[in-house]
Amino acid sequence: MNKEKLRDLVFARPFKPFNIHLAEGTIIPVRHPEFVLLTQAGRTAYVHTGRGDEVKIVDVLLITHLSKNGAAPKGRRTGRRKS
């Protein structure tokens, strides 16, 4: 993953929530652009998870991909019920 792709999503207007997928399988949701701090060199990102004061320190080189965070959770119905 390169820092430009992450930067593009963080600074996109309008902002759209997304997930950061790490090499070991961790998925970190980014719900707001102010929840991410990128270092000047772009090698490290500090991501507030939205749970209390929890912050994840992410090595940008260990990000495998970024995905949109708009899908409904499994088991949740999003459409109208069929009769």
PDB file of N, CA and C in Angstrom:
ATOM      1  N   MET A   1       0.857  -1.177   0.000  1.00  0.00           N
ATOM      2  CA  MET A   1       0.000   0.000   0.000  1.00  0.00           C
ATOM      3  C   MET A   1       0.893   1.226   0.000  1.00  0.00           C
ATOM      4  N   ASN A   2       0.522   2.188  -0.803  1.00  0.00           N
ATOM      5  CA  ASN A   2       1.306   3.420  -0.760  1.00  0.00           C
ATOM      6  C   ASN A   2       0.546   4.500   0.010  1.00  0.00           C
ATOM      7  N   LYS A   3       1.308   5.427   0.549  1.00  0.00           N
ATOM      8  CA  LYS A   3       0.729   6.458   1.417  1.00  0.00           C
ATOM      9  C   LYS A   3      -0.248   7.366   0.683  1.00  0.00           C
ATOM     10  N   GLU A   4      -0.077   7.523  -0.625  1.00  0.00           N
ATOM     11  CA  GLU A   4      -0.958   8.408  -1.388  1.00  0.00           C
ATOM     12  C   GLU A   4      -2.395   7.896  -1.411  1.00  0.00           C
ATOM     13  N   LYS A   5      -2.581   6.588  -1.541  1.00  0.00           N
ATOM     14  CA  LYS A   5      -3.935   6.029  -1.562  1.00  0.00           C
ATOM     15  C   LYS A   5      -4.640   6.264  -0.224  1.00  0.00           C
ATOM     16  N   LEU A   6      -3.922   6.067   0.867  1.00  0.00           N
ATOM     17  CA  LEU A   6      -4.497   6.304   2.187  1.00  0.00           C
ATOM     18  C   LEU A   6      -4.805   7.785   2.359  1.00  0.00           C
ATOM     19  N   ARG A   7      -3.868   8.624   1.985  1.00  0.00           N
ATOM     20  CA  ARG A   7      -4.059  10.074   2.087  1.00  0.00           C
ATOM     21  C   ARG A   7      -5.268  10.543   1.275  1.00  0.00           C
ATOM     22  N   ASP A   8      -5.427   9.983   0.070  1.00  0.00           N
ATOM     23  CA  ASP A   8      -6.559  10.351  -0.783  1.00  0.00           C
ATOM     24  C   ASP A   8      -7.898  10.064  -0.108  1.00  0.00           C
ATOM     25  N   LEU A   9      -8.014   8.915   0.571  1.00  0.00           N
ATOM     26  CA  LEU A   9      -9.271   8.575   1.252  1.00  0.00           C
ATOM     27  C   LEU A   9      -9.496   9.437   2.491  1.00  0.00           C
ATOM     28  N   VAL A  10      -8.433   9.700   3.235  1.00  0.00           N
ATOM     29  CA  VAL A  10      -8.570  10.517   4.449  1.00  0.00           C
ATOM     30  C   VAL A  10      -8.999  11.943   4.111  1.00  0.00           C
ATOM     31  N   PHE A  11      -8.445  12.501   3.032  1.00  0.00           N
ATOM     32  CA  PHE A  11      -8.719  13.895   2.693  1.00  0.00           C
ATOM     33  C   PHE A  11      -9.787  14.066   1.615  1.00  0.00           C
ATOM     34  N   ALA A  12     -10.467  12.986   1.245  1.00  0.00           N
ATOM     35  CA  ALA A  12     -11.524  13.068   0.230  1.00  0.00           C
ATOM     36  C   ALA A  12     -12.665  13.962   0.726  1.00  0.00           C
ATOM     37  N   ARG A  13     -13.235  14.728  -0.172  1.00  0.00           N
ATOM     38  CA  ARG A  13     -14.390  15.565   0.136  1.00  0.00           C
ATOM     39  C   ARG A  13     -15.472  15.276  -0.873  1.00  0.00           C
ATOM     40  N   PRO A  14     -16.630  14.819  -0.493  1.00  0.00           N
ATOM     41  CA  PRO A  14     -16.995  14.512   0.883  1.00  0.00           C
ATOM     42  C   PRO A  14     -16.303  13.241   1.357  1.00  0.00           C
ATOM     43  N   PHE A  15     -16.039  13.187   2.658  1.00  0.00           N
ATOM     44  CA  PHE A  15     -15.395  12.017   3.243  1.00  0.00           C
ATOM     45  C   PHE A  15     -16.365  10.845   3.264  1.00  0.00           C
ATOM     46  N   LYS A  16     -15.863   9.659   2.970  1.00  0.00           N
ATOM     47  CA  LYS A  16     -16.654   8.432   3.050  1.00  0.00           C
ATOM     48  C   LYS A  16     -15.910   7.457   3.941  1.00  0.00           C
ATOM     49  N   PRO A  17     -16.581   6.914   4.977  1.00  0.00           N
ATOM     50  CA  PRO A  17     -15.920   5.960   5.875  1.00  0.00           C
ATOM     51  C   PRO A  17     -15.312   4.791   5.102  1.00  0.00           C
ATOM     52  N   PHE A  18     -14.202   4.270   5.627  1.00  0.00           N
ATOM     53  CA  PHE A  18     -13.536   3.144   4.988  1.00  0.00           C
ATOM     54  C   PHE A  18     -12.859   2.273   6.037  1.00  0.00           C
ATOM     55  N   ASN A  19     -12.408   1.098   5.617  1.00  0.00           N
ATOM     56  CA  ASN A  19     -11.699   0.174   6.491  1.00  0.00           C
ATOM     57  C   ASN A  19     -10.260   0.034   6.028  1.00  0.00           C
ATOM     58  N   ILE A  20      -9.358  -0.083   7.004  1.00  0.00           N
ATOM     59  CA  ILE A  20      -7.959  -0.386   6.731  1.00  0.00           C
ATOM     60  C   ILE A  20      -7.762  -1.869   7.032  1.00  0.00           C
ATOM     61  N   HIS A  21      -7.264  -2.623   6.065  1.00  0.00           N
ATOM     62  CA  HIS A  21      -7.006  -4.051   6.233  1.00  0.00           C
ATOM     63  C   HIS A  21      -5.502  -4.258   6.367  1.00  0.00           C
ATOM     64  N   LEU A  22      -5.081  -4.889   7.478  1.00  0.00           N
ATOM     65  CA  LEU A  22      -3.663  -5.119   7.723  1.00  0.00           C
ATOM     66  C   LEU A  22      -3.265  -6.541   7.346  1.00  0.00           C
ATOM     67  N   ALA A  23      -1.975  -6.741   7.157  1.00  0.00           N
ATOM     68  CA  ALA A  23      -1.444  -8.024   6.697  1.00  0.00           C
ATOM     69  C   ALA A  23      -1.810  -9.179   7.622  1.00  0.00           C
ATOM     70  N   GLU A  24      -1.881  -8.968   8.928  1.00  0.00           N
ATOM     71  CA  GLU A  24      -2.181 -10.070   9.859  1.00  0.00           C
ATOM     72  C   GLU A  24      -3.674 -10.327  10.005  1.00  0.00           C
ATOM     73  N   GLY A  25      -4.505  -9.580   9.267  1.00  0.00           N
ATOM     74  CA  GLY A  25      -5.942  -9.830   9.270  1.00  0.00           C
ATOM     75  C   GLY A  25      -6.782  -8.817  10.025  1.00  0.00           C
ATOM     76  N   THR A  26      -6.163  -7.908  10.741  1.00  0.00           N
ATOM     77  CA  THR A  26      -6.900  -6.885  11.479  1.00  0.00           C
ATOM     78  C   THR A  26      -7.578  -5.917  10.511  1.00  0.00           C
ATOM     79  N   ILE A  27      -8.800  -5.529  10.863  1.00  0.00           N
ATOM     80  CA  ILE A  27      -9.532  -4.526  10.089  1.00  0.00           C
ATOM     81  C   ILE A  27      -9.815  -3.351  11.019  1.00  0.00           C
ATOM     82  N   ILE A  28      -9.399  -2.169  10.614  1.00  0.00           N
ATOM     83  CA  ILE A  28      -9.587  -0.970  11.430  1.00  0.00           C
ATOM     84  C   ILE A  28     -10.534  -0.025  10.691  1.00  0.00           C
ATOM     85  N   PRO A  29     -11.711   0.246  11.277  1.00  0.00           N
ATOM     86  CA  PRO A  29     -12.636   1.176  10.635  1.00  0.00           C
ATOM     87  C   PRO A  29     -12.193   2.630  10.825  1.00  0.00           C
ATOM     88  N   VAL A  30     -12.352   3.425   9.779  1.00  0.00           N
ATOM     89  CA  VAL A  30     -12.078   4.861   9.845  1.00  0.00           C
ATOM     90  C   VAL A  30     -13.414   5.544   9.589  1.00  0.00           C
ATOM     91  N   ARG A  31     -14.016   6.100  10.642  1.00  0.00           N
ATOM     92  CA  ARG A  31     -15.355   6.664  10.545  1.00  0.00           C
ATOM     93  C   ARG A  31     -15.383   8.157  10.265  1.00  0.00           C
ATOM     94  N   HIS A  32     -14.239   8.819  10.484  1.00  0.00           N
ATOM     95  CA  HIS A  32     -14.195  10.273  10.314  1.00  0.00           C
ATOM     96  C   HIS A  32     -12.755  10.669  10.002  1.00  0.00           C
ATOM     97  N   PRO A  33     -12.539  11.651   9.133  1.00  0.00           N
ATOM     98  CA  PRO A  33     -11.161  12.017   8.780  1.00  0.00           C
ATOM     99  C   PRO A  33     -10.334  12.524   9.959  1.00  0.00           C
ATOM    100  N   GLU A  34     -10.987  13.077  10.963  1.00  0.00           N
ATOM    101  CA  GLU A  34     -10.253  13.571  12.127  1.00  0.00           C
ATOM    102  C   GLU A  34      -9.800  12.443  13.042  1.00  0.00           C
ATOM    103  N   PHE A  35     -10.176  11.219  12.725  1.00  0.00           N
ATOM    104  CA  PHE A  35      -9.756  10.060  13.514  1.00  0.00           C
ATOM    105  C   PHE A  35      -8.434   9.475  13.014  1.00  0.00           C
ATOM    106  N   VAL A  36      -7.826  10.105  11.997  1.00  0.00           N
ATOM    107  CA  VAL A  36      -6.574   9.610  11.426  1.00  0.00           C
ATOM    108  C   VAL A  36      -5.524  10.713  11.449  1.00  0.00           C
ATOM    109  N   LEU A  37      -4.334  10.363  11.927  1.00  0.00           N
ATOM    110  CA  LEU A  37      -3.193  11.267  11.874  1.00  0.00           C
ATOM    111  C   LEU A  37      -2.096  10.557  11.093  1.00  0.00           C
ATOM    112  N   LEU A  38      -1.696  11.149   9.988  1.00  0.00           N
ATOM    113  CA  LEU A  38      -0.602  10.599   9.181  1.00  0.00           C
ATOM    114  C   LEU A  38       0.668  11.387   9.484  1.00  0.00           C
ATOM    115  N   THR A  39       1.773  10.676   9.672  1.00  0.00           N
ATOM    116  CA  THR A  39       3.031  11.373   9.895  1.00  0.00           C
ATOM    117  C   THR A  39       3.452  12.069   8.609  1.00  0.00           C
ATOM    118  N   GLN A  40       4.354  13.017   8.722  1.00  0.00           N
ATOM    119  CA  GLN A  40       4.783  13.790   7.562  1.00  0.00           C
ATOM    120  C   GLN A  40       5.388  12.891   6.488  1.00  0.00           C
ATOM    121  N   ALA A  41       6.155  11.907   6.882  1.00  0.00           N
ATOM    122  CA  ALA A  41       6.778  10.994   5.917  1.00  0.00           C
ATOM    123  C   ALA A  41       5.754  10.023   5.324  1.00  0.00           C
ATOM    124  N   GLY A  42       4.619   9.837   6.029  1.00  0.00           N
ATOM    125  CA  GLY A  42       3.566   8.965   5.529  1.00  0.00           C
ATOM    126  C   GLY A  42       3.781   7.490   5.816  1.00  0.00           C
ATOM    127  N   ARG A  43       4.752   7.146   6.614  1.00  0.00           N
ATOM    128  CA  ARG A  43       5.052   5.744   6.917  1.00  0.00           C
ATOM    129  C   ARG A  43       4.175   5.210   8.054  1.00  0.00           C
ATOM    130  N   THR A  44       3.704   6.100   8.932  1.00  0.00           N
ATOM    131  CA  THR A  44       2.922   5.703  10.101  1.00  0.00           C
ATOM    132  C   THR A  44       1.609   6.471  10.139  1.00  0.00           C
ATOM    133  N   ALA A  45       0.541   5.745  10.529  1.00  0.00           N
ATOM    134  CA  ALA A  45      -0.770   6.369  10.724  1.00  0.00           C
ATOM    135  C   ALA A  45      -1.247   6.029  12.130  1.00  0.00           C
ATOM    136  N   TYR A  46      -1.800   7.004  12.802  1.00  0.00           N
ATOM    137  CA  TYR A  46      -2.417   6.808  14.108  1.00  0.00           C
ATOM    138  C   TYR A  46      -3.928   6.886  13.871  1.00  0.00           C
ATOM    139  N   VAL A  47      -4.641   5.818  14.215  1.00  0.00           N
ATOM    140  CA  VAL A  47      -6.071   5.741  13.920  1.00  0.00           C
ATOM    141  C   VAL A  47      -6.854   5.558  15.214  1.00  0.00           C
ATOM    142  N   HIS A  48      -7.746   6.495  15.502  1.00  0.00           N
ATOM    143  CA  HIS A  48      -8.640   6.379  16.657  1.00  0.00           C
ATOM    144  C   HIS A  48      -9.757   5.427  16.255  1.00  0.00           C
ATOM    145  N   THR A  49      -9.991   4.395  17.049  1.00  0.00           N
ATOM    146  CA  THR A  49     -10.958   3.356  16.686  1.00  0.00           C
ATOM    147  C   THR A  49     -12.400   3.724  16.994  1.00  0.00           C
ATOM    148  N   GLY A  50     -12.607   4.755  17.802  1.00  0.00           N
ATOM    149  CA  GLY A  50     -13.963   5.111  18.196  1.00  0.00           C
ATOM    150  C   GLY A  50     -14.391   4.420  19.483  1.00  0.00           C
ATOM    151  N   ARG A  51     -13.512   3.591  20.046  1.00  0.00           N
ATOM    152  CA  ARG A  51     -13.792   2.901  21.309  1.00  0.00           C
ATOM    153  C   ARG A  51     -12.975   3.544  22.422  1.00  0.00           C
ATOM    154  N   GLY A  52     -13.598   4.423  23.169  1.00  0.00           N
ATOM    155  CA  GLY A  52     -12.895   5.101  24.255  1.00  0.00           C
ATOM    156  C   GLY A  52     -11.721   5.902  23.729  1.00  0.00           C
ATOM    157  N   ASP A  53     -10.562   5.670  24.321  1.00  0.00           N
ATOM    158  CA  ASP A  53      -9.343   6.368  23.899  1.00  0.00           C
ATOM    159  C   ASP A  53      -8.420   5.465  23.088  1.00  0.00           C
ATOM    160  N   GLU A  54      -8.948   4.356  22.558  1.00  0.00           N
ATOM    161  CA  GLU A  54      -8.116   3.392  21.835  1.00  0.00           C
ATOM    162  C   GLU A  54      -7.597   3.975  20.518  1.00  0.00           C
ATOM    163  N   VAL A  55      -6.290   3.878  20.331  1.00  0.00           N
ATOM    164  CA  VAL A  55      -5.635   4.331  19.110  1.00  0.00           C
ATOM    165  C   VAL A  55      -4.761   3.197  18.588  1.00  0.00           C
ATOM    166  N   LYS A  56      -4.862   2.928  17.299  1.00  0.00           N
ATOM    167  CA  LYS A  56      -4.027   1.920  16.656  1.00  0.00           C
ATOM    168  C   LYS A  56      -2.891   2.643  15.938  1.00  0.00           C
ATOM    169  N   ILE A  57      -1.683   2.148  16.119  1.00  0.00           N
ATOM    170  CA  ILE A  57      -0.528   2.677  15.402  1.00  0.00           C
ATOM    171  C   ILE A  57      -0.275   1.734  14.236  1.00  0.00           C
ATOM    172  N   VAL A  58      -0.362   2.269  13.020  1.00  0.00           N
ATOM    173  CA  VAL A  58      -0.327   1.447  11.817  1.00  0.00           C
ATOM    174  C   VAL A  58       0.901   1.779  10.976  1.00  0.00           C
ATOM    175  N   ASP A  59       1.661   0.750  10.623  1.00  0.00           N
ATOM    176  CA  ASP A  59       2.740   0.890   9.645  1.00  0.00           C
ATOM    177  C   ASP A  59       2.068   0.821   8.276  1.00  0.00           C
ATOM    178  N   VAL A  60       2.082   1.896   7.538  1.00  0.00           N
ATOM    179  CA  VAL A  60       1.369   1.980   6.262  1.00  0.00           C
ATOM    180  C   VAL A  60       1.815   0.883   5.297  1.00  0.00           C
ATOM    181  N   LEU A  61       3.060   0.451   5.389  1.00  0.00           N
ATOM    182  CA  LEU A  61       3.547  -0.608   4.503  1.00  0.00           C
ATOM    183  C   LEU A  61       2.895  -1.959   4.792  1.00  0.00           C
ATOM    184  N   LEU A  62       2.256  -2.108   5.960  1.00  0.00           N
ATOM    185  CA  LEU A  62       1.586  -3.362   6.308  1.00  0.00           C
ATOM    186  C   LEU A  62       0.100  -3.359   5.950  1.00  0.00           C
ATOM    187  N   ILE A  63      -0.380  -2.288   5.325  1.00  0.00           N
ATOM    188  CA  ILE A  63      -1.771  -2.237   4.867  1.00  0.00           C
ATOM    189  C   ILE A  63      -1.864  -3.025   3.565  1.00  0.00           C
ATOM    190  N   THR A  64      -2.749  -4.026   3.553  1.00  0.00           N
ATOM    191  CA  THR A  64      -2.909  -4.834   2.335  1.00  0.00           C
ATOM    192  C   THR A  64      -3.876  -4.176   1.367  1.00  0.00           C
ATOM    193  N   HIS A  65      -4.969  -3.611   1.903  1.00  0.00           N
ATOM    194  CA  HIS A  65      -5.905  -2.876   1.057  1.00  0.00           C
ATOM    195  C   HIS A  65      -6.840  -2.035   1.903  1.00  0.00           C
ATOM    196  N   LEU A  66      -7.578  -1.169   1.217  1.00  0.00           N
ATOM    197  CA  LEU A  66      -8.567  -0.295   1.844  1.00  0.00           C
ATOM    198  C   LEU A  66      -9.909  -0.630   1.216  1.00  0.00           C
ATOM    199  N   SER A  67     -10.972  -0.636   2.029  1.00  0.00           N
ATOM    200  CA  SER A  67     -12.292  -0.960   1.486  1.00  0.00           C
ATOM    201  C   SER A  67     -13.324   0.029   1.998  1.00  0.00           C
ATOM    202  N   LYS A  68     -14.377   0.184   1.231  1.00  0.00           N
ATOM    203  CA  LYS A  68     -15.477   1.055   1.642  1.00  0.00           C
ATOM    204  C   LYS A  68     -16.149   0.463   2.867  1.00  0.00           C
ATOM    205  N   ASN A  69     -16.607   1.333   3.742  1.00  0.00           N
ATOM    206  CA  ASN A  69     -17.228   0.912   4.992  1.00  0.00           C
ATOM    207  C   ASN A  69     -18.724   1.177   4.945  1.00  0.00           C
ATOM    208  N   GLY A  70     -19.395   0.805   3.835  1.00  0.00           N
ATOM    209  CA  GLY A  70     -20.806   1.101   3.716  1.00  0.00           C
ATOM    210  C   GLY A  70     -21.693  -0.115   3.763  1.00  0.00           C
ATOM    211  N   ALA A  71     -21.110  -1.301   3.842  1.00  0.00           N
ATOM    212  CA  ALA A  71     -21.907  -2.523   3.823  1.00  0.00           C
ATOM    213  C   ALA A  71     -22.607  -2.732   5.165  1.00  0.00           C
ATOM    214  N   ALA A  72     -23.813  -3.282   5.097  1.00  0.00           N
ATOM    215  CA  ALA A  72     -24.555  -3.590   6.324  1.00  0.00           C
ATOM    216  C   ALA A  72     -23.922  -4.789   7.011  1.00  0.00           C
ATOM    217  N   PRO A  73     -23.928  -4.833   8.341  1.00  0.00           N
ATOM    218  CA  PRO A  73     -23.388  -5.990   9.059  1.00  0.00           C
ATOM    219  C   PRO A  73     -24.136  -7.263   8.684  1.00  0.00           C
ATOM    220  N   LYS A  74     -23.464  -8.399   8.774  1.00  0.00           N
ATOM    221  CA  LYS A  74     -24.097  -9.675   8.451  1.00  0.00           C
ATOM    222  C   LYS A  74     -25.293  -9.904   9.373  1.00  0.00           C
ATOM    223  N   GLY A  75     -26.358 -10.464   8.788  1.00  0.00           N
ATOM    224  CA  GLY A  75     -27.543 -10.759   9.576  1.00  0.00           C
ATOM    225  C   GLY A  75     -28.533  -9.617   9.643  1.00  0.00           C
ATOM    226  N   ARG A  76     -28.172  -8.486   9.132  1.00  0.00           N
ATOM    227  CA  ARG A  76     -29.062  -7.327   9.172  1.00  0.00           C
ATOM    228  C   ARG A  76     -29.750  -7.190   7.823  1.00  0.00           C
ATOM    229  N   ARG A  77     -31.031  -7.003   7.841  1.00  0.00           N
ATOM    230  CA  ARG A  77     -31.778  -6.829   6.602  1.00  0.00           C
ATOM    231  C   ARG A  77     -31.735  -5.379   6.195  1.00  0.00           C
ATOM    232  N   THR A  78     -31.487  -5.160   4.903  1.00  0.00           N
ATOM    233  CA  THR A  78     -31.420  -3.787   4.434  1.00  0.00           C
ATOM    234  C   THR A  78     -32.567  -3.428   3.514  1.00  0.00           C
ATOM    235  N   GLY A  79     -33.236  -4.446   2.969  1.00  0.00           N
ATOM    236  CA  GLY A  79     -34.320  -4.177   2.036  1.00  0.00           C
ATOM    237  C   GLY A  79     -35.683  -4.382   2.675  1.00  0.00           C
ATOM    238  N   ARG A  80     -36.710  -4.244   1.844  1.00  0.00           N
ATOM    239  CA  ARG A  80     -38.072  -4.467   2.338  1.00  0.00           C
ATOM    240  C   ARG A  80     -38.329  -5.955   2.445  1.00  0.00           C
ATOM    241  N   ARG A  81     -39.155  -6.292   3.360  1.00  0.00           N
ATOM    242  CA  ARG A  81     -39.509  -7.685   3.576  1.00  0.00           C
ATOM    243  C   ARG A  81     -40.446  -8.153   2.494  1.00  0.00           C
ATOM    244  N   LYS A  82     -40.177  -9.343   1.950  1.00  0.00           N
ATOM    245  CA  LYS A  82     -41.045  -9.899   0.918  1.00  0.00           C
ATOM    246  C   LYS A  82     -42.248 -10.557   1.549  1.00  0.00           C
ATOM    247  N   SER A  83     -43.401 -10.372   0.951  1.00  0.00           N
ATOM    248  CA  SER A  83     -44.647 -10.947   1.486  1.00  0.00           C
ATOM    249  C   SER A  83     -44.896 -12.313   0.910  1.00  0.00           C
TER     250      SER A  83
END
